[in-house]
Amino acid sequence: MRLFITLSALLALVACDSKNASPAPSAQVDPSPTAENSILPDITHSVMRVNTTQQAWSTGQPWEKNPPEQRRALAAIVGPNMVLTTSELVADATYIEFESPNGNFLSQAKVLAVDYEANLALLGPVSEAEGNAIFKDTTSLSIIEPPKIGEPLEILQIEDNGHQLFTPGILQSIDVTSNFLPGHGFLTYFVKGSMQSAASSYSLPVLREGKLAGILSSYNEKEQICNVVALDIINRFLLESANHPYKGFPSLGISIARTEDPSFRQWLQLNNGQGGIFVNNVRKGSPAALAGVKDGDVILSVDGHVIDRRGYYEHPHYGSLFWGHLVRGARSTGDSLPLEILRAGEVLTLTAILTREDENS
């Protein structure tokens, strides 16, 4: 089981996620420029520093707040006066500030859209005039086609002197996992690369040939694995954030179990050629419940994709992926989702209308 720890932000920071990860120890920095740094384009005009002050409520004494702490990130410019970063950076924030990469301009920022489940946030300036000044002569990052396993990626940092620093990495694997809030899985890239401590930040843009390929959310220094929010999730978030109010990612509203045990499969009347996932529980009022899914059903396929005994399906671009991406990543709130289920040996076809789970539930 991997333990992912968030990058330290200049000062030794303590991550606020539920894993209570400790700050990453500083790595040794090689001051000599690498070949990768010398051939990659100048990206400093397409990124913005984000400085935040957080003050969360104390879990031990919930009537009091913890001492304030500072965080810093390097965010990708994705539109006019708009930057993309992680929601973890702005969680419990009492103040958010933009800083130009050269440190010459500052501007108070605000949250335009945030999704704590997907760990993404879109920020803009509070003052239009200050925003126009700090974003003058900047260019939005283009977004590449989703990468494949084995392809090279670069993680961008900006040193205090304004020089860009690239860390080369290889996309090692892709899966659905939680990046911030436990129990909320989203498509994630796992990038193998040795991060440097110079100008470290809370989150960083991940690039491919000078174009945006993802947002780094955490780094495991021991295994040298970077958790990167995948492009599919970024594209869906940016699409949904253009609508007001922000609706967010939908859910089906079920809990499931694998169907690998032979005795269990026999009891479910599954033959050897069938896969499927067992529905343990259907949340009342959920899209699955309204579609007619019941406890004890077996979901054989989702949106025409056959689900195997472990809950995986074959994605045309990424290969084997967990079925949850078909709901939270490939679809929007309000979309129809065809389901093929097995109930008491009979195959049925149902259609769920996806909605977002109530945040207060």
Protein backbone atom coordinates (compact mmCIF):
# COMPACT_ATOMS: atom_id res chain seq x y z
CA MET A 1 0.00 0.00 0.00
CA ARG A 2 1.44 3.32 -1.06
CA LEU A 3 1.59 6.37 1.16
CA PHE A 4 1.50 9.55 -0.92
CA ILE A 5 2.86 12.73 0.64
CA THR A 6 2.33 16.24 -0.66
CA LEU A 7 5.25 18.39 -1.72
CA SER A 8 6.60 20.87 0.84
CA ALA A 9 6.03 24.52 -0.04
CA LEU A 10 9.26 26.37 0.72
CA LEU A 11 8.57 26.18 4.44
CA ALA A 12 8.00 22.68 5.82
CA LEU A 13 4.26 22.14 5.39
CA VAL A 14 1.97 19.54 6.80
CA ALA A 15 -0.57 18.15 4.36
CA CYS A 16 -4.18 18.69 5.42
CA ASP A 17 -5.62 15.58 3.77
CA SER A 18 -7.01 12.71 5.75
CA LYS A 19 -3.84 10.65 5.36
CA ASN A 20 -1.96 13.06 7.66
CA ALA A 21 1.15 12.71 5.51
CA SER A 22 4.31 14.38 6.78
CA PRO A 23 6.31 16.84 4.63
CA ALA A 24 8.68 15.33 2.11
CA PRO A 25 12.35 15.44 3.16
CA SER A 26 14.47 17.66 0.97
CA ALA A 27 16.20 15.94 -1.92
CA GLN A 28 19.71 16.76 -3.09
CA VAL A 29 19.61 19.31 -5.89
CA ASP A 30 21.94 19.14 -8.85
CA PRO A 31 22.63 22.80 -9.79
CA SER A 32 23.84 21.95 -13.27
CA PRO A 33 21.26 22.34 -16.09
CA THR A 34 19.98 19.11 -17.57
CA ALA A 35 19.63 18.28 -21.23
CA GLU A 36 15.85 18.25 -20.78
CA ASN A 37 15.85 21.80 -19.39
CA SER A 38 17.96 23.10 -22.26
CA ILE A 39 15.63 21.90 -25.03
CA LEU A 40 12.20 22.57 -23.55
CA PRO A 41 10.42 25.85 -24.39
CA ASP A 42 9.97 28.80 -22.05
CA ILE A 43 6.73 28.23 -20.12
CA THR A 44 7.05 31.01 -17.53
CA HIS A 45 4.54 33.16 -19.43
CA SER A 46 1.90 30.39 -19.10
CA VAL A 47 2.02 29.76 -15.34
CA MET A 48 1.25 31.75 -12.19
CA ARG A 49 2.31 31.29 -8.58
CA VAL A 50 -0.53 30.95 -6.07
CA ASN A 51 0.05 31.78 -2.39
CA THR A 52 -2.62 30.87 0.15
CA THR A 53 -3.19 31.20 3.88
CA GLN A 54 -5.15 28.34 5.48
CA GLN A 55 -6.78 28.11 8.88
CA ALA A 56 -8.77 24.93 9.45
CA TRP A 57 -10.92 24.06 12.43
CA SER A 58 -9.22 21.90 15.05
CA THR A 59 -10.38 18.28 15.08
CA GLY A 60 -9.46 17.88 18.74
CA GLN A 61 -11.10 21.14 19.83
CA PRO A 62 -13.71 21.88 17.14
CA TRP A 63 -14.66 25.21 18.74
CA GLU A 64 -11.19 26.54 17.92
CA LYS A 65 -9.14 26.95 14.77
CA ASN A 66 -5.62 25.69 14.13
CA PRO A 67 -2.79 28.22 13.71
CA PRO A 68 -2.71 29.65 10.17
CA GLU A 69 -0.28 28.11 7.69
CA GLN A 70 1.06 29.16 4.30
CA ARG A 71 1.05 27.20 1.08
CA ARG A 72 2.44 27.88 -2.36
CA ALA A 73 1.73 26.37 -5.76
CA LEU A 74 2.56 26.83 -9.39
CA ALA A 75 -0.67 26.91 -11.39
CA ALA A 76 -1.33 26.55 -15.11
CA ILE A 77 -2.98 29.43 -16.96
CA VAL A 78 -5.91 27.82 -18.81
CA GLY A 79 -7.89 30.84 -19.97
CA PRO A 80 -8.14 34.64 -19.79
CA ASN A 81 -7.22 35.57 -16.18
CA MET A 82 -7.87 31.97 -15.05
CA VAL A 83 -5.51 29.41 -13.51
CA LEU A 84 -5.95 25.74 -12.62
CA THR A 85 -4.67 24.17 -9.43
CA THR A 86 -5.75 21.62 -6.80
CA SER A 87 -8.67 22.12 -4.43
CA GLU A 88 -6.39 21.01 -1.58
CA LEU A 89 -4.44 24.25 -2.04
CA VAL A 90 -7.53 26.42 -1.41
CA ALA A 91 -9.25 24.27 1.23
CA ASP A 92 -9.92 26.36 4.37
CA ALA A 93 -8.18 29.32 2.71
CA THR A 94 -8.61 32.72 4.36
CA TYR A 95 -6.57 34.51 1.69
CA ILE A 96 -5.53 33.61 -1.88
CA GLU A 97 -2.98 35.58 -3.87
CA PHE A 98 -1.52 35.48 -7.37
CA GLU A 99 2.20 36.14 -7.82
CA SER A 100 3.92 36.50 -11.17
CA PRO A 101 6.78 34.00 -11.73
CA ASN A 102 9.34 36.81 -11.49
CA GLY A 103 7.81 38.03 -8.21
CA ASN A 104 7.19 41.57 -9.50
CA PHE A 105 3.36 41.52 -9.42
CA LEU A 106 0.84 40.47 -6.79
CA SER A 107 -2.94 40.31 -6.96
CA GLN A 108 -5.64 38.97 -4.63
CA ALA A 109 -7.37 35.91 -6.12
CA LYS A 110 -10.71 34.17 -5.64
CA VAL A 111 -12.18 30.73 -6.35
CA LEU A 112 -14.24 30.57 -9.54
CA ALA A 113 -15.05 26.86 -9.27
CA VAL A 114 -13.86 24.11 -6.94
CA ASP A 115 -14.37 20.35 -6.72
CA TYR A 116 -12.91 18.79 -3.58
CA GLU A 117 -13.79 15.28 -4.76
CA ALA A 118 -11.80 15.64 -7.99
CA ASN A 119 -9.17 17.82 -6.24
CA LEU A 120 -9.34 20.67 -8.75
CA ALA A 121 -9.91 24.42 -8.44
CA LEU A 122 -10.22 27.24 -10.96
CA LEU A 123 -9.04 30.65 -9.73
CA GLY A 124 -9.34 34.22 -11.00
CA PRO A 125 -8.42 37.73 -9.78
CA VAL A 126 -10.66 39.64 -7.35
CA SER A 127 -9.92 42.94 -9.09
CA GLU A 128 -10.33 43.04 -12.85
CA ALA A 129 -7.80 45.86 -13.17
CA GLU A 130 -5.17 44.05 -11.08
CA GLY A 131 -5.93 40.84 -12.93
CA ASN A 132 -5.40 42.48 -16.31
CA ALA A 133 -2.06 43.83 -15.08
CA ILE A 134 -0.70 40.57 -13.66
CA PHE A 135 -1.95 38.49 -16.59
CA LYS A 136 -0.65 40.94 -19.20
CA ASP A 137 1.55 39.24 -21.80
CA THR A 138 0.60 35.75 -20.53
CA THR A 139 -0.52 32.89 -22.74
CA SER A 140 -2.87 30.04 -21.86
CA LEU A 141 -1.33 26.58 -21.95
CA SER A 142 -2.54 24.35 -24.74
CA ILE A 143 -3.83 20.94 -23.68
CA ILE A 144 -2.41 17.83 -25.35
CA GLU A 145 -4.19 14.63 -26.26
CA PRO A 146 -4.21 12.23 -23.28
CA PRO A 147 -0.83 10.47 -22.96
CA LYS A 148 -0.32 6.71 -22.92
CA ILE A 149 1.60 4.47 -20.56
CA GLY A 150 5.33 4.66 -21.25
CA GLU A 151 5.30 8.18 -22.67
CA PRO A 152 7.60 10.89 -21.21
CA LEU A 153 6.20 13.83 -19.23
CA GLU A 154 7.82 16.86 -17.60
CA ILE A 155 6.95 18.39 -14.22
CA LEU A 156 7.52 22.15 -14.13
CA GLN A 157 8.91 24.16 -11.22
CA ILE A 158 9.96 27.82 -11.14
CA GLU A 159 12.96 28.69 -8.98
CA ASP A 160 13.06 31.83 -6.86
CA ASN A 161 15.20 33.54 -9.51
CA GLY A 162 12.45 32.95 -12.10
CA HIS A 163 14.24 30.17 -13.97
CA GLN A 164 12.18 27.18 -14.98
CA LEU A 165 13.15 23.71 -13.82
CA PHE A 166 11.84 20.56 -15.51
CA THR A 167 11.79 17.12 -13.91
CA PRO A 168 11.51 14.38 -16.53
CA GLY A 169 9.24 11.45 -15.76
CA ILE A 170 7.63 8.42 -17.37
CA LEU A 171 3.92 7.68 -17.23
CA GLN A 172 4.17 4.35 -15.42
CA SER A 173 0.52 3.43 -14.87
CA ILE A 174 -3.04 4.78 -14.94
CA ASP A 175 -5.88 3.93 -12.58
CA VAL A 176 -8.85 5.31 -10.65
CA THR A 177 -7.91 6.41 -7.12
CA SER A 178 -8.65 9.03 -4.45
CA ASN A 179 -6.39 12.10 -4.56
CA PHE A 180 -7.81 14.20 -1.73
CA LEU A 181 -11.11 13.08 -0.20
CA PRO A 182 -11.19 9.37 0.73
CA GLY A 183 -13.71 7.28 -1.14
CA HIS A 184 -13.88 9.53 -4.20
CA GLY A 185 -11.90 7.89 -6.98
CA PHE A 186 -10.91 9.66 -10.19
CA LEU A 187 -8.63 8.85 -13.11
CA THR A 188 -5.02 9.41 -12.05
CA TYR A 189 -1.65 9.19 -13.79
CA PHE A 190 1.23 7.65 -11.84
CA VAL A 191 4.44 9.25 -13.10
CA LYS A 192 7.88 7.89 -12.19
CA GLY A 193 10.32 10.74 -11.61
CA SER A 194 12.74 12.11 -9.01
CA MET A 195 11.48 15.50 -7.89
CA GLN A 196 13.92 18.17 -6.73
CA SER A 197 13.40 20.32 -3.66
CA ALA A 198 14.36 23.57 -5.38
CA ALA A 199 11.39 25.97 -5.48
CA SER A 200 9.07 23.18 -4.36
CA SER A 201 5.35 23.85 -4.45
CA TYR A 202 2.09 22.36 -3.23
CA SER A 203 0.97 21.48 -6.76
CA LEU A 204 2.62 21.80 -10.15
CA PRO A 205 1.74 21.67 -13.87
CA VAL A 206 2.70 18.46 -15.69
CA LEU A 207 3.62 18.99 -19.33
CA ARG A 208 4.29 17.19 -22.57
CA GLU A 209 6.19 19.13 -25.23
CA GLY A 210 5.22 22.43 -23.63
CA LYS A 211 1.51 21.60 -23.35
CA LEU A 212 -0.58 20.76 -20.29
CA ALA A 213 -0.79 17.02 -19.56
CA GLY A 214 -2.01 17.05 -15.93
CA ILE A 215 -1.75 18.62 -12.46
CA LEU A 216 0.58 17.08 -9.88
CA SER A 217 -1.32 16.56 -6.62
CA SER A 218 1.18 14.60 -4.49
CA TYR A 219 4.61 12.98 -4.51
CA ASN A 220 5.89 9.82 -2.85
CA GLU A 221 9.59 10.58 -2.30
CA LYS A 222 10.45 7.02 -1.25
CA GLU A 223 9.02 5.39 -4.37
CA GLN A 224 9.56 8.49 -6.55
CA ILE A 225 5.98 8.33 -7.82
CA CYS A 226 3.96 11.44 -8.66
CA ASN A 227 0.16 11.39 -8.46
CA VAL A 228 -1.15 13.46 -11.36
CA VAL A 229 -4.77 14.46 -11.98
CA ALA A 230 -5.52 13.05 -15.43
CA LEU A 231 -6.44 15.13 -18.47
CA ASP A 232 -9.87 13.51 -18.77
CA ILE A 233 -10.78 14.85 -15.33
CA ILE A 234 -9.25 18.28 -16.06
CA ASN A 235 -11.14 18.62 -19.35
CA ARG A 236 -14.42 17.58 -17.73
CA PHE A 237 -13.87 20.01 -14.82
CA LEU A 238 -13.11 22.93 -17.16
CA LEU A 239 -16.17 22.08 -19.26
CA GLU A 240 -18.45 21.93 -16.21
CA SER A 241 -16.94 25.06 -14.60
CA ALA A 242 -18.13 27.12 -17.57
CA ASN A 243 -21.70 26.50 -16.33
CA HIS A 244 -23.08 28.40 -13.33
CA PRO A 245 -23.69 27.13 -10.80
CA TYR A 246 -21.01 24.46 -11.03
CA LYS A 247 -22.70 21.04 -10.99
CA GLY A 248 -19.66 18.84 -10.54
CA PHE A 249 -19.07 15.17 -11.25
CA PRO A 250 -22.03 12.78 -11.05
CA SER A 251 -22.33 9.51 -9.16
CA LEU A 252 -24.38 6.34 -9.61
CA GLY A 253 -25.07 5.80 -5.92
CA ILE A 254 -24.09 2.19 -5.32
CA SER A 255 -21.50 0.17 -3.41
CA ILE A 256 -20.11 -2.91 -5.11
CA ALA A 257 -18.10 -6.09 -4.57
CA ARG A 258 -16.05 -8.28 -6.92
CA THR A 259 -17.41 -11.56 -8.26
CA GLU A 260 -14.22 -13.65 -8.31
CA ASP A 261 -15.21 -16.35 -5.81
CA PRO A 262 -16.47 -19.48 -7.66
CA SER A 263 -19.11 -20.30 -5.03
CA PHE A 264 -20.36 -16.72 -5.03
CA ARG A 265 -20.56 -16.76 -8.81
CA GLN A 266 -22.54 -19.99 -8.79
CA TRP A 267 -25.00 -18.51 -6.30
CA LEU A 268 -25.35 -15.41 -8.53
CA GLN A 269 -25.97 -17.68 -11.58
CA LEU A 270 -22.99 -16.23 -13.45
CA ASN A 271 -21.44 -18.45 -16.12
CA ASN A 272 -17.73 -18.66 -16.86
CA GLY A 273 -17.94 -16.21 -19.75
CA GLN A 274 -19.50 -13.46 -17.69
CA GLY A 275 -17.80 -10.89 -15.50
CA GLY A 276 -19.79 -8.36 -13.55
CA ILE A 277 -19.77 -6.54 -10.21
CA PHE A 278 -22.14 -7.34 -7.35
CA VAL A 279 -24.32 -4.49 -6.01
CA ASN A 280 -24.06 -4.52 -2.23
CA ASN A 281 -26.17 -1.46 -1.61
CA VAL A 282 -28.18 1.10 -3.57
CA ARG A 283 -28.47 4.54 -2.01
CA LYS A 284 -32.06 5.71 -1.65
CA GLY A 285 -32.98 8.32 -4.27
CA SER A 286 -29.76 7.78 -6.23
CA PRO A 287 -29.63 7.52 -10.04
CA ALA A 288 -29.21 3.75 -9.71
CA ALA A 289 -32.26 3.45 -7.45
CA LEU A 290 -34.40 5.59 -9.76
CA ALA A 291 -33.29 3.46 -12.72
CA GLY A 292 -34.47 0.29 -10.94
CA VAL A 293 -31.17 -1.18 -9.76
CA LYS A 294 -31.64 -3.29 -6.61
CA ASP A 295 -29.43 -4.75 -3.91
CA GLY A 296 -28.12 -8.11 -5.11
CA ASP A 297 -28.05 -7.22 -8.81
CA VAL A 298 -24.91 -7.86 -10.87
CA ILE A 299 -23.85 -5.11 -13.28
CA LEU A 300 -22.53 -6.80 -16.43
CA SER A 301 -21.84 -3.72 -18.56
CA VAL A 302 -21.88 0.08 -18.27
CA ASP A 303 -22.48 2.23 -21.35
CA GLY A 304 -21.81 -0.81 -23.53
CA HIS A 305 -18.46 -1.62 -21.86
CA VAL A 306 -18.24 -5.14 -20.45
CA ILE A 307 -17.17 -5.16 -16.79
CA ASP A 308 -14.93 -8.03 -15.63
CA ARG A 309 -15.00 -9.86 -12.29
CA ARG A 310 -12.68 -7.29 -10.67
CA GLY A 311 -14.67 -4.27 -11.84
CA TYR A 312 -12.43 -3.31 -14.76
CA TYR A 313 -13.22 -2.66 -18.43
CA GLU A 314 -11.13 -2.09 -21.54
CA HIS A 315 -10.67 1.60 -22.32
CA PRO A 316 -9.82 2.29 -26.00
CA HIS A 317 -6.95 4.63 -25.09
CA TYR A 318 -5.73 3.70 -21.59
CA GLY A 319 -6.33 -0.05 -21.56
CA SER A 320 -7.73 -1.70 -18.42
CA LEU A 321 -9.51 0.83 -16.16
CA PHE A 322 -11.80 0.62 -13.13
CA TRP A 323 -15.47 0.94 -14.08
CA GLY A 324 -15.97 4.10 -11.96
CA HIS A 325 -14.37 6.23 -14.70
CA LEU A 326 -17.40 5.51 -16.89
CA VAL A 327 -19.48 7.50 -14.39
CA ARG A 328 -17.05 10.01 -12.86
CA GLY A 329 -14.95 11.21 -15.76
CA ALA A 330 -16.63 10.10 -18.97
CA ARG A 331 -20.07 11.55 -18.18
CA SER A 332 -21.69 14.76 -16.96
CA THR A 333 -24.56 15.41 -14.58
CA GLY A 334 -27.82 14.87 -16.45
CA ASP A 335 -26.41 12.32 -18.93
CA SER A 336 -28.10 8.98 -19.55
CA LEU A 337 -26.08 5.88 -18.68
CA PRO A 338 -27.17 2.46 -20.03
CA LEU A 339 -26.70 -0.47 -17.64
CA GLU A 340 -26.92 -4.19 -18.32
CA ILE A 341 -27.63 -6.17 -15.16
CA LEU A 342 -28.20 -9.76 -14.12
CA ARG A 343 -31.03 -10.40 -11.67
CA ALA A 344 -31.94 -13.95 -10.62
CA GLY A 345 -30.38 -15.31 -13.79
CA GLU A 346 -32.21 -12.86 -16.09
CA VAL A 347 -30.39 -10.15 -18.07
CA LEU A 348 -32.08 -6.72 -17.92
CA THR A 349 -31.28 -3.37 -19.54
CA LEU A 350 -31.79 -0.20 -17.47
CA THR A 351 -30.96 3.48 -18.00
CA ALA A 352 -29.77 5.75 -15.19
CA ILE A 353 -29.97 9.56 -15.37
CA LEU A 354 -26.82 10.72 -13.60
CA THR A 355 -26.96 13.33 -10.83
CA ARG A 356 -24.40 14.73 -8.39
CA GLU A 357 -24.49 13.36 -4.88
CA ASP A 358 -25.63 15.85 -2.29
CA GLU A 359 -22.52 17.26 -0.57
CA ASN A 360 -24.32 17.18 2.78
CA SER A 361 -25.22 13.49 2.52
